[in-house]
N, C-alpha and C. Protein backbone atom coordinates (compact mmCIF):
# COMPACT_ATOMS: atom_id res chain seq x y z
N MET A 1 141.79 -111.39 89.56
CA MET A 1 142.43 -111.44 88.27
C MET A 1 142.06 -112.70 87.48
N PRO A 2 141.81 -113.86 88.13
CA PRO A 2 141.44 -115.06 87.36
C PRO A 2 140.15 -114.85 86.55
N GLU A 3 139.24 -114.01 87.06
CA GLU A 3 137.99 -113.76 86.33
C GLU A 3 138.27 -113.08 85.00
N VAL A 4 139.23 -112.17 85.01
CA VAL A 4 139.59 -111.46 83.78
C VAL A 4 140.18 -112.45 82.77
N GLU A 5 141.04 -113.32 83.25
CA GLU A 5 141.66 -114.32 82.36
C GLU A 5 140.60 -115.26 81.79
N GLU A 6 139.65 -115.64 82.62
CA GLU A 6 138.57 -116.52 82.16
C GLU A 6 137.73 -115.82 81.08
N ASP A 7 137.44 -114.56 81.30
CA ASP A 7 136.69 -113.77 80.31
C ASP A 7 137.46 -113.68 78.99
N GLU A 8 138.76 -113.45 79.08
CA GLU A 8 139.58 -113.36 77.87
C GLU A 8 139.58 -114.68 77.11
N LEU A 9 139.70 -115.77 77.84
CA LEU A 9 139.72 -117.08 77.20
C LEU A 9 138.37 -117.36 76.54
N ALA A 10 137.29 -116.99 77.18
CA ALA A 10 135.97 -117.16 76.59
C ALA A 10 135.86 -116.35 75.29
N LEU A 11 136.42 -115.16 75.30
CA LEU A 11 136.39 -114.34 74.08
C LEU A 11 137.20 -114.98 72.95
N VAL A 12 138.31 -115.60 73.30
CA VAL A 12 139.12 -116.30 72.29
C VAL A 12 138.28 -117.40 71.64
N TYR A 13 137.57 -118.16 72.46
CA TYR A 13 136.73 -119.23 71.94
C TYR A 13 135.61 -118.67 71.06
N GLN A 14 135.06 -117.53 71.47
CA GLN A 14 133.99 -116.91 70.68
C GLN A 14 134.50 -116.48 69.31
N THR A 15 135.73 -116.00 69.26
CA THR A 15 136.29 -115.60 67.96
C THR A 15 136.46 -116.79 67.03
N LYS A 16 136.48 -117.98 67.61
CA LYS A 16 136.59 -119.20 66.79
C LYS A 16 135.21 -119.72 66.38
N GLY A 17 134.17 -118.96 66.73
CA GLY A 17 132.83 -119.33 66.30
C GLY A 17 131.99 -120.07 67.32
N ILE A 18 132.46 -120.15 68.54
CA ILE A 18 131.71 -120.84 69.58
C ILE A 18 130.72 -119.87 70.22
N GLU A 19 129.51 -120.34 70.45
CA GLU A 19 128.47 -119.53 71.07
C GLU A 19 128.95 -119.02 72.44
N ALA A 20 128.56 -117.81 72.80
CA ALA A 20 129.05 -117.15 74.02
C ALA A 20 128.84 -117.99 75.28
N SER A 21 127.67 -118.57 75.45
CA SER A 21 127.40 -119.35 76.68
C SER A 21 128.28 -120.60 76.74
N VAL A 22 128.48 -121.23 75.60
CA VAL A 22 129.34 -122.42 75.55
C VAL A 22 130.79 -122.02 75.78
N ALA A 23 131.21 -120.92 75.19
CA ALA A 23 132.58 -120.44 75.36
C ALA A 23 132.87 -120.14 76.83
N ARG A 24 131.92 -119.56 77.53
CA ARG A 24 132.11 -119.27 78.96
C ARG A 24 132.25 -120.56 79.77
N LYS A 25 131.45 -121.57 79.42
CA LYS A 25 131.54 -122.86 80.12
C LYS A 25 132.89 -123.53 79.86
N MET A 26 133.33 -123.45 78.61
CA MET A 26 134.63 -124.04 78.26
C MET A 26 135.76 -123.34 79.00
N ALA A 27 135.71 -122.02 79.05
CA ALA A 27 136.75 -121.26 79.75
C ALA A 27 136.74 -121.58 81.25
N ALA A 28 135.55 -121.71 81.82
CA ALA A 28 135.45 -122.04 83.25
C ALA A 28 136.07 -123.41 83.52
N GLU A 29 135.83 -124.36 82.63
CA GLU A 29 136.40 -125.70 82.78
C GLU A 29 137.93 -125.66 82.74
N VAL A 30 138.48 -124.92 81.80
CA VAL A 30 139.92 -124.80 81.68
C VAL A 30 140.51 -124.14 82.92
N MET A 31 139.85 -123.12 83.41
CA MET A 31 140.39 -122.34 84.54
C MET A 31 140.39 -123.12 85.86
N ARG A 32 139.69 -124.24 85.93
CA ARG A 32 139.69 -125.06 87.16
C ARG A 32 141.05 -125.67 87.44
N ASP A 33 141.83 -125.89 86.39
CA ASP A 33 143.17 -126.48 86.53
C ASP A 33 144.19 -125.41 86.17
N PRO A 34 144.92 -124.89 87.17
CA PRO A 34 145.86 -123.78 86.91
C PRO A 34 146.88 -124.06 85.82
N GLN A 35 147.42 -125.26 85.77
CA GLN A 35 148.42 -125.58 84.74
C GLN A 35 147.79 -125.61 83.36
N ARG A 36 146.63 -126.22 83.27
CA ARG A 36 145.91 -126.27 82.00
C ARG A 36 145.54 -124.86 81.53
N ALA A 37 145.11 -124.02 82.48
CA ALA A 37 144.75 -122.64 82.16
C ALA A 37 145.96 -121.89 81.61
N LEU A 38 147.09 -122.04 82.27
CA LEU A 38 148.30 -121.37 81.81
C LEU A 38 148.70 -121.85 80.41
N ASP A 39 148.68 -123.17 80.22
CA ASP A 39 149.03 -123.74 78.92
C ASP A 39 148.11 -123.21 77.82
N GLU A 40 146.82 -123.19 78.10
CA GLU A 40 145.85 -122.73 77.11
C GLU A 40 146.04 -121.25 76.79
N GLN A 41 146.29 -120.45 77.81
CA GLN A 41 146.49 -119.02 77.59
C GLN A 41 147.75 -118.75 76.79
N VAL A 42 148.81 -119.48 77.07
CA VAL A 42 150.06 -119.31 76.32
C VAL A 42 149.82 -119.66 74.85
N ARG A 43 149.13 -120.78 74.62
CA ARG A 43 148.86 -121.20 73.24
C ARG A 43 147.97 -120.20 72.51
N GLU A 44 146.89 -119.78 73.15
CA GLU A 44 145.90 -118.94 72.48
C GLU A 44 146.34 -117.48 72.36
N GLU A 45 146.92 -116.94 73.41
CA GLU A 45 147.26 -115.52 73.40
C GLU A 45 148.63 -115.24 72.78
N LEU A 46 149.58 -116.12 73.03
CA LEU A 46 150.94 -115.88 72.55
C LEU A 46 151.28 -116.73 71.34
N LYS A 47 150.41 -117.67 71.02
CA LYS A 47 150.63 -118.58 69.87
C LYS A 47 151.93 -119.37 70.02
N ILE A 48 152.18 -119.83 71.26
CA ILE A 48 153.38 -120.63 71.54
C ILE A 48 152.92 -122.04 71.86
N GLY A 49 153.50 -123.00 71.21
CA GLY A 49 153.19 -124.40 71.49
C GLY A 49 152.04 -124.89 70.64
N GLU A 50 151.75 -126.17 70.80
CA GLU A 50 150.69 -126.81 70.05
C GLU A 50 149.60 -127.27 71.00
N ALA A 51 148.37 -127.07 70.63
CA ALA A 51 147.25 -127.52 71.45
C ALA A 51 147.10 -129.02 71.31
N HIS A 52 147.17 -129.73 72.42
CA HIS A 52 147.02 -131.18 72.39
C HIS A 52 145.65 -131.61 72.87
N ALA A 53 145.16 -131.01 73.93
CA ALA A 53 143.88 -131.42 74.50
C ALA A 53 143.11 -130.21 75.01
N THR A 54 142.79 -129.33 74.12
CA THR A 54 142.03 -128.15 74.53
C THR A 54 140.55 -128.47 74.46
N PRO A 55 139.73 -127.73 75.17
CA PRO A 55 138.29 -127.95 75.07
C PRO A 55 137.80 -127.80 73.63
N PHE A 56 138.42 -126.89 72.91
CA PHE A 56 138.02 -126.68 71.53
C PHE A 56 138.21 -127.96 70.72
N LYS A 57 139.39 -128.57 70.85
CA LYS A 57 139.66 -129.81 70.12
C LYS A 57 138.81 -130.95 70.66
N GLU A 58 138.70 -131.06 71.98
CA GLU A 58 137.95 -132.14 72.57
C GLU A 58 136.47 -132.07 72.20
N GLY A 59 135.96 -130.87 72.11
CA GLY A 59 134.54 -130.71 71.83
C GLY A 59 134.16 -130.74 70.37
N TRP A 60 135.08 -130.41 69.50
CA TRP A 60 134.72 -130.24 68.10
C TRP A 60 135.35 -131.25 67.16
N SER A 61 136.51 -131.77 67.43
CA SER A 61 137.17 -132.63 66.45
C SER A 61 136.58 -134.03 66.33
N PRO A 62 136.00 -134.65 67.36
CA PRO A 62 135.48 -136.00 67.19
C PRO A 62 134.28 -136.09 66.25
N ALA A 63 133.49 -135.04 66.15
CA ALA A 63 132.28 -135.09 65.34
C ALA A 63 132.56 -135.47 63.88
N PRO A 64 133.53 -134.84 63.22
CA PRO A 64 133.80 -135.24 61.83
C PRO A 64 134.27 -136.69 61.72
N ARG A 65 134.97 -137.17 62.71
CA ARG A 65 135.43 -138.55 62.68
C ARG A 65 134.24 -139.50 62.74
N ARG A 66 133.28 -139.20 63.60
CA ARG A 66 132.10 -140.06 63.70
C ARG A 66 131.31 -140.03 62.42
N ARG A 67 131.20 -138.85 61.84
CA ARG A 67 130.46 -138.71 60.60
C ARG A 67 131.13 -139.52 59.49
N SER A 68 132.45 -139.45 59.41
CA SER A 68 133.14 -140.17 58.35
C SER A 68 133.09 -141.68 58.59
N ALA A 69 133.09 -142.09 59.84
CA ALA A 69 133.02 -143.51 60.15
C ALA A 69 131.67 -144.09 59.72
N ARG A 70 130.62 -143.30 59.83
CA ARG A 70 129.29 -143.75 59.41
C ARG A 70 129.18 -143.85 57.89
N SER A 71 130.00 -143.12 57.19
CA SER A 71 129.94 -143.12 55.74
C SER A 71 130.38 -144.43 55.13
N PHE A 72 131.22 -145.14 55.85
CA PHE A 72 131.77 -146.38 55.34
C PHE A 72 131.13 -147.57 56.04
N PRO A 73 130.74 -148.59 55.28
CA PRO A 73 130.13 -149.78 55.90
C PRO A 73 131.13 -150.60 56.67
């Protein structure tokens, strides 16, 4: 059953615009920690709670910050 959950989580990431191979890697990383996996699934599938440290946020949110930091001397 964990394989099915991992596949579902990868699909959720893909719907957010993440490439399939990257989405699978992200889902595999989340699924290594049972509590993190449960938290992520509750947030993504049931829309309960706020994402604090998801792979999506960890992988994508710092880039704009770095770009904006370079804009200013």
